[in-house]
PDB file of N, CA and C in Angstrom:
ATOM      1  N   UNK A   1       0.765  -1.114  -0.024  1.00  0.00           N
ATOM      2  CA  UNK A   1       0.064   0.071   0.014  1.00  0.00           C
ATOM      3  C   UNK A   1       0.965   1.259  -0.058  1.00  0.00           C
ATOM      4  N   UNK A   2       0.569   2.233  -0.750  1.00  0.00           N
ATOM      5  CA  UNK A   2       1.469   3.438  -0.800  1.00  0.00           C
ATOM      6  C   UNK A   2       1.387   4.169   0.555  1.00  0.00           C
ATOM      7  N   UNK A   3       2.311   5.100   0.687  1.00  0.00           N
ATOM      8  CA  UNK A   3       2.485   5.780   1.907  1.00  0.00           C
ATOM      9  C   UNK A   3       1.263   6.797   2.026  1.00  0.00           C
ATOM     10  N   UNK A   4       0.658   7.185   0.958  1.00  0.00           N
ATOM     11  CA  UNK A   4      -0.463   8.053   0.996  1.00  0.00           C
ATOM     12  C   UNK A   4      -1.611   7.320   1.465  1.00  0.00           C
ATOM     13  N   UNK A   5      -1.842   6.150   0.957  1.00  0.00           N
ATOM     14  CA  UNK A   5      -3.030   5.336   1.403  1.00  0.00           C
ATOM     15  C   UNK A   5      -2.885   4.872   2.796  1.00  0.00           C
ATOM     16  N   UNK A   6      -1.734   4.522   3.244  1.00  0.00           N
ATOM     17  CA  UNK A   6      -1.437   4.042   4.574  1.00  0.00           C
ATOM     18  C   UNK A   6      -1.724   5.167   5.609  1.00  0.00           C
ATOM     19  N   UNK A   7      -1.262   6.371   5.119  1.00  0.00           N
ATOM     20  CA  UNK A   7      -1.437   7.697   5.996  1.00  0.00           C
ATOM     21  C   UNK A   7      -2.964   7.875   6.102  1.00  0.00           C
ATOM     22  N   UNK A   8      -3.702   7.764   5.029  1.00  0.00           N
ATOM     23  CA  UNK A   8      -5.240   7.912   5.055  1.00  0.00           C
ATOM     24  C   UNK A   8      -5.839   6.828   5.996  1.00  0.00           C
ATOM     25  N   UNK A   9      -5.494   5.569   5.927  1.00  0.00           N
ATOM     26  CA  UNK A   9      -5.954   4.545   6.910  1.00  0.00           C
ATOM     27  C   UNK A   9      -5.572   4.885   8.280  1.00  0.00           C
ATOM     28  N   UNK A  10      -4.451   5.354   8.499  1.00  0.00           N
ATOM     29  CA  UNK A  10      -4.170   5.725   9.871  1.00  0.00           C
ATOM     30  C   UNK A  10      -5.056   6.769  10.441  1.00  0.00           C
ATOM     31  N   UNK A  11      -5.402   7.785   9.597  1.00  0.00           N
ATOM     32  CA  UNK A  11      -6.288   8.902   9.940  1.00  0.00           C
ATOM     33  C   UNK A  11      -7.594   8.348  10.216  1.00  0.00           C
ATOM     34  N   UNK A  12      -8.162   7.446   9.297  1.00  0.00           N
ATOM     35  CA  UNK A  12      -9.331   6.891   9.604  1.00  0.00           C
ATOM     36  C   UNK A  12      -9.498   6.050  10.885  1.00  0.00           C
ATOM     37  N   UNK A  13      -8.389   5.311  11.164  1.00  0.00           N
ATOM     38  CA  UNK A  13      -8.425   4.501  12.280  1.00  0.00           C
ATOM     39  C   UNK A  13      -8.471   5.262  13.602  1.00  0.00           C
ATOM     40  N   UNK A  14      -7.743   6.451  13.642  1.00  0.00           N
ATOM     41  CA  UNK A  14      -7.830   7.374  14.609  1.00  0.00           C
ATOM     42  C   UNK A  14      -9.066   7.978  14.926  1.00  0.00           C
ATOM     43  N   UNK A  15      -9.828   8.249  13.868  1.00  0.00           N
ATOM     44  CA  UNK A  15     -11.016   8.942  13.962  1.00  0.00           C
ATOM     45  C   UNK A  15     -12.097   7.931  14.359  1.00  0.00           C
ATOM     46  N   UNK A  16     -11.891   6.665  14.427  1.00  0.00           N
ATOM     47  CA  UNK A  16     -12.853   5.612  14.834  1.00  0.00           C
ATOM     48  C   UNK A  16     -12.896   5.522  16.344  1.00  0.00           C
ATOM     49  N   UNK A  17     -11.889   6.136  17.020  1.00  0.00           N
ATOM     50  CA  UNK A  17     -11.885   6.156  18.446  1.00  0.00           C
ATOM     51  C   UNK A  17     -10.865   5.106  19.181  1.00  0.00           C
ATOM     52  N   UNK A  18     -10.956   4.960  20.449  1.00  0.00           N
ATOM     53  CA  UNK A  18      -9.939   4.247  21.098  1.00  0.00           C
ATOM     54  C   UNK A  18     -10.089   2.700  20.754  1.00  0.00           C
ATOM     55  N   UNK A  19     -11.207   2.215  20.206  1.00  0.00           N
ATOM     56  CA  UNK A  19     -11.315   0.788  19.948  1.00  0.00           C
ATOM     57  C   UNK A  19     -10.903   0.440  18.514  1.00  0.00           C
ATOM     58  N   UNK A  20     -10.273   1.376  17.782  1.00  0.00           N
ATOM     59  CA  UNK A  20     -10.081   1.284  16.374  1.00  0.00           C
ATOM     60  C   UNK A  20      -8.946   0.214  16.282  1.00  0.00           C
ATOM     61  N   UNK A  21      -8.898  -0.587  15.209  1.00  0.00           N
ATOM     62  CA  UNK A  21      -7.797  -1.697  14.855  1.00  0.00           C
ATOM     63  C   UNK A  21      -6.757  -0.886  14.040  1.00  0.00           C
ATOM     64  N   UNK A  22      -5.532  -1.576  14.088  1.00  0.00           N
ATOM     65  CA  UNK A  22      -4.493  -1.097  13.178  1.00  0.00           C
ATOM     66  C   UNK A  22      -4.801  -1.296  11.707  1.00  0.00           C
ATOM     67  N   UNK A  23      -4.195  -0.514  10.847  1.00  0.00           N
ATOM     68  CA  UNK A  23      -4.433  -0.711   9.414  1.00  0.00           C
ATOM     69  C   UNK A  23      -4.206  -2.133   9.000  1.00  0.00           C
ATOM     70  N   UNK A  24      -3.179  -2.752   9.451  1.00  0.00           N
ATOM     71  CA  UNK A  24      -2.804  -4.279   8.989  1.00  0.00           C
ATOM     72  C   UNK A  24      -3.990  -5.034   9.385  1.00  0.00           C
ATOM     73  N   UNK A  25      -4.457  -4.866  10.620  1.00  0.00           N
ATOM     74  CA  UNK A  25      -5.481  -5.783  11.099  1.00  0.00           C
ATOM     75  C   UNK A  25      -7.018  -5.524  10.297  1.00  0.00           C
ATOM     76  N   UNK A  26      -7.061  -4.270   9.933  1.00  0.00           N
ATOM     77  CA  UNK A  26      -8.306  -3.933   9.153  1.00  0.00           C
ATOM     78  C   UNK A  26      -8.278  -4.623   7.778  1.00  0.00           C
ATOM     79  N   UNK A  27      -6.999  -4.442   7.237  1.00  0.00           N
ATOM     80  CA  UNK A  27      -6.917  -5.158   5.950  1.00  0.00           C
ATOM     81  C   UNK A  27      -7.084  -6.830   5.952  1.00  0.00           C
ATOM     82  N   UNK A  28      -6.450  -7.381   6.889  1.00  0.00           N
ATOM     83  CA  UNK A  28      -6.571  -8.754   7.083  1.00  0.00           C
ATOM     84  C   UNK A  28      -8.043  -9.271   7.356  1.00  0.00           C
ATOM     85  N   UNK A  29      -8.705  -8.451   7.955  1.00  0.00           N
ATOM     86  CA  UNK A  29     -10.232  -8.711   8.316  1.00  0.00           C
ATOM     87  C   UNK A  29     -11.125  -8.329   7.201  1.00  0.00           C
ATOM     88  N   UNK A  30     -10.619  -7.732   6.129  1.00  0.00           N
ATOM     89  CA  UNK A  30     -11.416  -7.479   5.051  1.00  0.00           C
ATOM     90  C   UNK A  30     -12.220  -6.193   5.090  1.00  0.00           C
ATOM     91  N   UNK A  31     -11.776  -5.277   5.998  1.00  0.00           N
ATOM     92  CA  UNK A  31     -12.582  -4.115   6.221  1.00  0.00           C
ATOM     93  C   UNK A  31     -12.068  -2.876   5.611  1.00  0.00           C
ATOM     94  N   UNK A  32     -11.198  -3.031   4.706  1.00  0.00           N
ATOM     95  CA  UNK A  32     -10.579  -1.878   3.929  1.00  0.00           C
ATOM     96  C   UNK A  32     -10.838  -2.012   2.514  1.00  0.00           C
ATOM     97  N   UNK A  33     -11.331  -0.939   1.908  1.00  0.00           N
ATOM     98  CA  UNK A  33     -11.754  -0.863   0.501  1.00  0.00           C
ATOM     99  C   UNK A  33     -11.111   0.325  -0.266  1.00  0.00           C
ATOM    100  N   UNK A  34     -10.692   0.134  -1.511  1.00  0.00           N
ATOM    101  CA  UNK A  34     -10.102   1.104  -2.185  1.00  0.00           C
ATOM    102  C   UNK A  34     -10.973   1.308  -3.432  1.00  0.00           C
ATOM    103  N   UNK A  35     -11.545   2.430  -3.574  1.00  0.00           N
ATOM    104  CA  UNK A  35     -12.617   2.630  -4.712  1.00  0.00           C
ATOM    105  C   UNK A  35     -13.606   1.658  -4.662  1.00  0.00           C
ATOM    106  N   UNK A  36     -14.110   1.233  -3.522  1.00  0.00           N
ATOM    107  CA  UNK A  36     -15.278   0.265  -3.253  1.00  0.00           C
ATOM    108  C   UNK A  36     -14.885  -1.158  -3.555  1.00  0.00           C
ATOM    109  N   UNK A  37     -13.478  -1.462  -3.832  1.00  0.00           N
ATOM    110  CA  UNK A  37     -12.986  -2.749  -3.972  1.00  0.00           C
ATOM    111  C   UNK A  37     -12.250  -3.259  -2.750  1.00  0.00           C
ATOM    112  N   UNK A  38     -12.421  -4.376  -2.267  1.00  0.00           N
ATOM    113  CA  UNK A  38     -11.792  -4.920  -1.093  1.00  0.00           C
ATOM    114  C   UNK A  38     -10.316  -5.047  -1.254  1.00  0.00           C
ATOM    115  N   UNK A  39      -9.547  -4.645  -0.369  1.00  0.00           N
ATOM    116  CA  UNK A  39      -8.138  -4.618  -0.349  1.00  0.00           C
ATOM    117  C   UNK A  39      -7.663  -5.969   0.366  1.00  0.00           C
ATOM    118  N   UNK A  40      -7.054  -6.827  -0.423  1.00  0.00           N
ATOM    119  CA  UNK A  40      -6.515  -8.192   0.240  1.00  0.00           C
ATOM    120  C   UNK A  40      -5.213  -8.258   0.536  1.00  0.00           C
ATOM    121  N   UNK A  41      -4.357  -7.339   0.160  1.00  0.00           N
ATOM    122  CA  UNK A  41      -2.928  -7.493   0.415  1.00  0.00           C
ATOM    123  C   UNK A  41      -2.418  -6.125   1.359  1.00  0.00           C
ATOM    124  N   UNK A  42      -1.701  -6.404   2.285  1.00  0.00           N
ATOM    125  CA  UNK A  42      -1.200  -5.321   3.017  1.00  0.00           C
ATOM    126  C   UNK A  42      -0.312  -4.503   2.257  1.00  0.00           C
ATOM    127  N   UNK A  43       0.571  -4.939   1.341  1.00  0.00           N
ATOM    128  CA  UNK A  43       1.329  -4.216   0.523  1.00  0.00           C
ATOM    129  C   UNK A  43       0.861  -3.765  -0.780  1.00  0.00           C
ATOM    130  N   UNK A  44      -0.354  -3.846  -0.974  1.00  0.00           N
ATOM    131  CA  UNK A  44      -0.975  -3.144  -2.224  1.00  0.00           C
ATOM    132  C   UNK A  44      -0.692  -1.787  -2.369  1.00  0.00           C
ATOM    133  N   UNK A  45      -0.326  -1.380  -3.707  1.00  0.00           N
ATOM    134  CA  UNK A  45       0.013  -0.016  -3.794  1.00  0.00           C
ATOM    135  C   UNK A  45      -1.191   0.704  -4.627  1.00  0.00           C
ATOM    136  N   UNK A  46      -1.238   1.923  -4.554  1.00  0.00           N
ATOM    137  CA  UNK A  46      -2.219   2.629  -5.283  1.00  0.00           C
ATOM    138  C   UNK A  46      -1.345   3.140  -6.550  1.00  0.00           C
ATOM    139  N   UNK A  47      -2.005   2.733  -7.739  1.00  0.00           N
ATOM    140  CA  UNK A  47      -1.365   2.980  -9.041  1.00  0.00           C
ATOM    141  C   UNK A  47      -2.256   4.120  -9.739  1.00  0.00           C
ATOM    142  N   UNK A  48      -1.651   4.512 -10.813  1.00  0.00           N
ATOM    143  CA  UNK A  48      -2.524   5.471 -11.668  1.00  0.00           C
ATOM    144  C   UNK A  48      -3.861   4.854 -11.994  1.00  0.00           C
ATOM    145  N   UNK A  49      -3.885   3.529 -12.363  1.00  0.00           N
ATOM    146  CA  UNK A  49      -5.193   3.058 -12.758  1.00  0.00           C
ATOM    147  C   UNK A  49      -6.198   3.092 -11.569  1.00  0.00           C
ATOM    148  N   UNK A  50      -5.782   3.156 -10.362  1.00  0.00           N
ATOM    149  CA  UNK A  50      -6.575   3.266  -9.296  1.00  0.00           C
ATOM    150  C   UNK A  50      -7.327   4.592  -9.158  1.00  0.00           C
ATOM    151  N   UNK A  51      -6.712   5.663  -9.750  1.00  0.00           N
ATOM    152  CA  UNK A  51      -7.108   7.011  -9.500  1.00  0.00           C
ATOM    153  C   UNK A  51      -8.422   7.288 -10.269  1.00  0.00           C
ATOM    154  N   UNK A  52      -9.294   8.064  -9.722  1.00  0.00           N
ATOM    155  CA  UNK A  52     -10.542   8.370 -10.451  1.00  0.00           C
ATOM    156  C   UNK A  52     -10.284   9.732 -11.165  1.00  0.00           C
ATOM    157  N   UNK A  53     -10.466   9.774 -12.452  1.00  0.00           N
ATOM    158  CA  UNK A  53     -10.217  10.980 -13.195  1.00  0.00           C
ATOM    159  C   UNK A  53      -8.761  11.311 -13.089  1.00  0.00           C
ATOM    160  N   UNK A  54      -7.860  10.393 -12.743  1.00  0.00           N
ATOM    161  CA  UNK A  54      -6.440  10.679 -12.741  1.00  0.00           C
ATOM    162  C   UNK A  54      -6.081  11.561 -11.514  1.00  0.00           C
ATOM    163  N   UNK A  55      -6.923  11.916 -10.646  1.00  0.00           N
ATOM    164  CA  UNK A  55      -6.550  12.771  -9.577  1.00  0.00           C
ATOM    165  C   UNK A  55      -7.031  12.522  -8.190  1.00  0.00           C
ATOM    166  N   UNK A  56      -7.824  11.363  -8.022  1.00  0.00           N
ATOM    167  CA  UNK A  56      -8.248  11.113  -6.526  1.00  0.00           C
ATOM    168  C   UNK A  56      -8.738   9.592  -6.415  1.00  0.00           C
ATOM    169  N   UNK A  57      -8.728   9.143  -5.145  1.00  0.00           N
ATOM    170  CA  UNK A  57      -9.100   7.784  -4.886  1.00  0.00           C
ATOM    171  C   UNK A  57     -10.004   7.838  -3.517  1.00  0.00           C
ATOM    172  N   UNK A  58     -10.800   6.836  -3.384  1.00  0.00           N
ATOM    173  CA  UNK A  58     -11.601   6.708  -2.160  1.00  0.00           C
ATOM    174  C   UNK A  58     -11.104   5.510  -1.388  1.00  0.00           C
ATOM    175  N   UNK A  59     -10.947   5.757  -0.009  1.00  0.00           N
ATOM    176  CA  UNK A  59     -10.542   4.709   0.856  1.00  0.00           C
ATOM    177  C   UNK A  59     -11.403   4.660   1.888  1.00  0.00           C
ATOM    178  N   UNK A  60     -11.894   3.408   2.355  1.00  0.00           N
ATOM    179  CA  UNK A  60     -12.849   3.126   3.347  1.00  0.00           C
ATOM    180  C   UNK A  60     -12.292   2.184   4.352  1.00  0.00           C
ATOM    181  N   UNK A  61     -12.554   2.388   5.548  1.00  0.00           N
ATOM    182  CA  UNK A  61     -12.206   1.481   6.580  1.00  0.00           C
ATOM    183  C   UNK A  61     -13.438   1.166   7.453  1.00  0.00           C
ATOM    184  N   UNK A  62     -14.036   0.219   7.182  1.00  0.00           N
ATOM    185  CA  UNK A  62     -15.392  -0.247   7.826  1.00  0.00           C
ATOM    186  C   UNK A  62     -16.487   0.328   7.143  1.00  0.00           C
ATOM    187  N   UNK A  63     -17.649   0.401   7.761  1.00  0.00           N
ATOM    188  CA  UNK A  63     -18.932   0.932   7.086  1.00  0.00           C
ATOM    189  C   UNK A  63     -19.007   2.391   7.160  1.00  0.00           C
ATOM    190  N   UNK A  64     -18.438   3.070   8.158  1.00  0.00           N
ATOM    191  CA  UNK A  64     -18.662   4.437   8.246  1.00  0.00           C
ATOM    192  C   UNK A  64     -17.557   5.402   7.950  1.00  0.00           C
ATOM    193  N   UNK A  65     -16.285   4.889   7.927  1.00  0.00           N
ATOM    194  CA  UNK A  65     -15.181   5.651   7.794  1.00  0.00           C
ATOM    195  C   UNK A  65     -14.649   5.650   6.235  1.00  0.00           C
ATOM    196  N   UNK A  66     -15.006   6.886   5.650  1.00  0.00           N
ATOM    197  CA  UNK A  66     -14.545   6.862   4.363  1.00  0.00           C
ATOM    198  C   UNK A  66     -13.796   8.205   4.128  1.00  0.00           C
ATOM    199  N   UNK A  67     -12.840   8.217   3.047  1.00  0.00           N
ATOM    200  CA  UNK A  67     -12.142   9.466   2.801  1.00  0.00           C
ATOM    201  C   UNK A  67     -11.727   9.491   1.364  1.00  0.00           C
ATOM    202  N   UNK A  68     -11.909  10.666   0.649  1.00  0.00           N
ATOM    203  CA  UNK A  68     -11.498  10.933  -0.627  1.00  0.00           C
ATOM    204  C   UNK A  68     -10.141  11.637  -0.476  1.00  0.00           C
ATOM    205  N   UNK A  69      -9.220  11.014  -1.199  1.00  0.00           N
ATOM    206  CA  UNK A  69      -7.754  11.424  -1.199  1.00  0.00           C
ATOM    207  C   UNK A  69      -7.491  11.952  -2.592  1.00  0.00           C
ATOM    208  N   UNK A  70      -7.130  13.354  -2.680  1.00  0.00           N
ATOM    209  CA  UNK A  70      -6.695  14.008  -3.897  1.00  0.00           C
ATOM    210  C   UNK A  70      -5.221  13.843  -4.083  1.00  0.00           C
ATOM    211  N   UNK A  71      -4.930  13.493  -5.267  1.00  0.00           N
ATOM    212  CA  UNK A  71      -3.390  13.349  -5.715  1.00  0.00           C
ATOM    213  C   UNK A  71      -3.097  14.392  -6.683  1.00  0.00           C
ATOM    214  N   UNK A  72      -1.991  15.270  -6.443  1.00  0.00           N
ATOM    215  CA  UNK A  72      -1.616  16.162  -7.321  1.00  0.00           C
ATOM    216  C   UNK A  72      -0.191  15.939  -7.907  1.00  0.00           C
TER     217      UNK A  72
END
């Protein structure tokens, strides 16, 4: 997973409160999605083909925590 995506996951995990799981645990449990597609590998990277309109992607951790990340 790219540094940008990992940073977004860490922000999402912190916003979930004191009972949030680590990004690695969330990925192993199937709770992380990149552009609404489940992330299966901890080392998955965000590539240009993952970008929506070449400039952003959506990352979600669980049902309620979602973030749009803009890439410049």
